[in-house]
Amino acid sequence: MKKIILAGWLLSALTGLTGCVDESLQVQTEFPFTLTNEPLPTPLPIKSEVSIHLNISPERVTSWDAYTLRVLPGTIPSVSVKLDGQPLGMGVPIRLNRLTPRLDITAPAAGSYTFTVEVQDHAGTRQTLPFTLQAQ
């Protein structure tokens, strides 16, 4: 009797395994997000710190969300850039602790300054915001 029960159990287990081979499970690993900023004052005052408030809006918030931010230089090698009050190196990716980071920009002289802010998520999806600031 035990052999019949064991054989029946084994047969149903094998049938169940072969039935799963044809089916596939789709797991969403990318969750799109948008990157926006609040309007900036124009023109940018010289030698005064101006804040750029960014907003990262994920399509869906998950427990493994991780975002990095980096500033890609354009014509701004002399402009001071800080992330939430801490100095930020050009092109250096920094892990974000929140979805509303603040960039503080200080222009040393009058002129036009360009740069790009890039945010990347844990899956490698990137969003960019180009900026052109006029300092007077």
Protein backbone atom coordinates (compact mmCIF):
# COMPACT_ATOMS: atom_id res chain seq x y z
CA MET A 1 0.00 0.00 0.00
CA LYS A 2 2.87 2.36 0.85
CA LYS A 3 4.44 1.68 -2.55
CA ILE A 4 1.20 2.58 -4.35
CA ILE A 5 0.84 5.84 -2.40
CA LEU A 6 4.51 6.70 -2.97
CA ALA A 7 4.21 5.90 -6.71
CA GLY A 8 1.06 8.03 -6.98
CA TRP A 9 2.72 10.92 -5.17
CA LEU A 10 5.84 10.64 -7.35
CA LEU A 11 3.75 10.52 -10.53
CA SER A 12 1.76 13.62 -9.53
CA ALA A 13 4.97 15.48 -8.61
CA LEU A 14 6.56 14.69 -11.98
CA THR A 15 3.39 15.69 -13.83
CA GLY A 16 3.33 18.97 -11.90
CA LEU A 17 6.97 19.70 -12.76
CA THR A 18 6.56 19.04 -16.45
CA GLY A 19 3.41 21.18 -16.51
CA CYS A 20 5.42 24.17 -15.23
CA VAL A 21 8.13 23.90 -17.87
CA ASP A 22 5.99 25.47 -20.60
CA GLU A 23 4.81 28.37 -18.45
CA SER A 24 7.01 31.35 -17.67
CA LEU A 25 6.84 33.86 -14.89
CA GLN A 26 7.24 37.51 -15.89
CA VAL A 27 8.91 39.53 -13.13
CA GLN A 28 9.05 43.29 -13.57
CA THR A 29 12.59 44.43 -12.79
CA GLU A 30 12.44 47.97 -14.18
CA PHE A 31 10.21 50.66 -12.77
CA PRO A 32 10.29 53.86 -14.86
CA PHE A 33 10.71 57.18 -13.11
CA THR A 34 10.61 60.84 -14.06
CA LEU A 35 13.04 63.57 -13.07
CA THR A 36 11.81 67.15 -12.75
CA ASN A 37 12.95 70.40 -11.16
CA GLU A 38 11.33 73.54 -9.81
CA PRO A 39 11.76 76.79 -11.78
CA LEU A 40 15.02 78.66 -11.26
CA PRO A 41 15.54 82.37 -10.76
CA THR A 42 16.75 84.18 -13.86
CA PRO A 43 19.26 85.63 -14.04
CA LEU A 44 21.41 83.76 -11.54
CA PRO A 45 22.99 86.18 -9.02
CA ILE A 46 26.80 86.20 -9.06
CA LYS A 47 28.53 84.71 -5.98
CA SER A 48 25.17 83.88 -4.39
CA GLU A 49 24.05 80.32 -3.77
CA VAL A 50 20.94 79.26 -5.71
CA SER A 51 19.13 76.00 -4.97
CA ILE A 52 17.83 73.64 -7.64
CA HIS A 53 15.18 71.39 -6.15
CA LEU A 54 14.89 68.08 -7.99
CA ASN A 55 12.06 65.57 -7.77
CA ILE A 56 12.39 61.88 -8.63
CA SER A 57 8.95 60.34 -9.22
CA PRO A 58 9.05 56.55 -9.58
CA GLU A 59 6.16 54.82 -11.32
CA ARG A 60 6.13 52.42 -8.38
CA VAL A 61 8.06 52.63 -5.11
CA THR A 62 9.77 49.36 -4.17
CA SER A 63 11.90 48.32 -1.23
CA TRP A 64 15.02 47.98 -3.39
CA ASP A 65 14.83 51.40 -5.04
CA ALA A 66 18.25 53.02 -5.12
CA TYR A 67 19.13 56.14 -7.08
CA THR A 68 22.44 57.80 -7.82
CA LEU A 69 22.96 61.37 -9.01
CA ARG A 70 25.87 62.91 -10.84
CA VAL A 71 26.46 66.29 -12.44
CA LEU A 72 27.99 66.10 -15.90
CA PRO A 73 30.08 69.15 -16.70
CA GLY A 74 29.29 71.40 -19.61
CA THR A 75 30.83 74.87 -19.32
CA ILE A 76 30.83 74.97 -15.53
CA PRO A 77 34.20 73.81 -14.23
CA SER A 78 34.44 76.94 -12.07
CA VAL A 79 30.91 76.77 -10.61
CA SER A 80 30.55 75.43 -7.08
CA VAL A 81 28.03 72.56 -6.82
CA LYS A 82 26.74 71.02 -3.59
CA LEU A 83 24.27 68.19 -3.03
CA ASP A 84 22.10 68.84 0.03
CA GLY A 85 24.82 71.15 1.38
CA GLN A 86 27.77 68.78 0.76
CA PRO A 87 30.38 69.51 -1.97
CA LEU A 88 29.84 67.43 -5.09
CA GLY A 89 32.55 66.49 -7.58
CA MET A 90 31.77 66.75 -11.29
CA GLY A 91 30.93 63.38 -12.82
CA VAL A 92 31.11 61.53 -9.48
CA PRO A 93 28.00 59.41 -8.82
CA ILE A 94 26.49 59.89 -5.35
CA ARG A 95 23.84 57.60 -3.85
CA LEU A 96 20.72 59.55 -2.94
CA ASN A 97 19.04 59.18 0.44
CA ARG A 98 15.76 60.76 -0.65
CA LEU A 99 13.69 61.41 -3.77
CA THR A 100 13.88 65.21 -3.45
CA PRO A 101 17.58 66.15 -3.57
CA ARG A 102 18.70 69.79 -3.62
CA LEU A 103 21.63 71.09 -5.69
CA ASP A 104 23.20 74.36 -4.57
CA ILE A 105 24.95 76.28 -7.38
CA THR A 106 27.24 79.29 -6.99
CA ALA A 107 28.44 81.14 -10.10
CA PRO A 108 31.76 82.97 -9.54
CA ALA A 109 31.32 85.46 -12.41
CA ALA A 110 28.87 86.71 -15.01
CA GLY A 111 28.30 84.43 -17.97
CA SER A 112 26.43 81.43 -19.26
CA TYR A 113 26.90 78.07 -17.52
CA THR A 114 25.65 74.71 -18.78
CA PHE A 115 25.58 71.29 -17.12
CA THR A 116 23.48 68.13 -17.02
CA VAL A 117 22.08 66.34 -14.00
CA GLU A 118 21.84 62.58 -14.44
CA VAL A 119 19.92 60.24 -12.12
CA GLN A 120 20.22 56.46 -12.46
CA ASP A 121 18.20 53.77 -10.71
CA HIS A 122 19.30 50.33 -9.50
CA ALA A 123 18.45 48.74 -12.87
CA GLY A 124 20.58 51.20 -14.86
CA THR A 125 17.70 53.33 -16.19
CA ARG A 126 18.86 56.94 -16.59
CA GLN A 127 17.05 60.26 -16.73
CA THR A 128 18.81 63.54 -17.48
CA LEU A 129 18.00 67.22 -17.05
CA PRO A 130 20.09 69.75 -19.00
CA PHE A 131 20.54 73.19 -17.44
CA THR A 132 21.69 76.51 -18.90
CA LEU A 133 22.09 79.24 -16.31
CA GLN A 134 22.79 82.88 -17.03
CA ALA A 135 24.67 84.68 -14.25
CA GLN A 136 24.64 88.49 -14.00
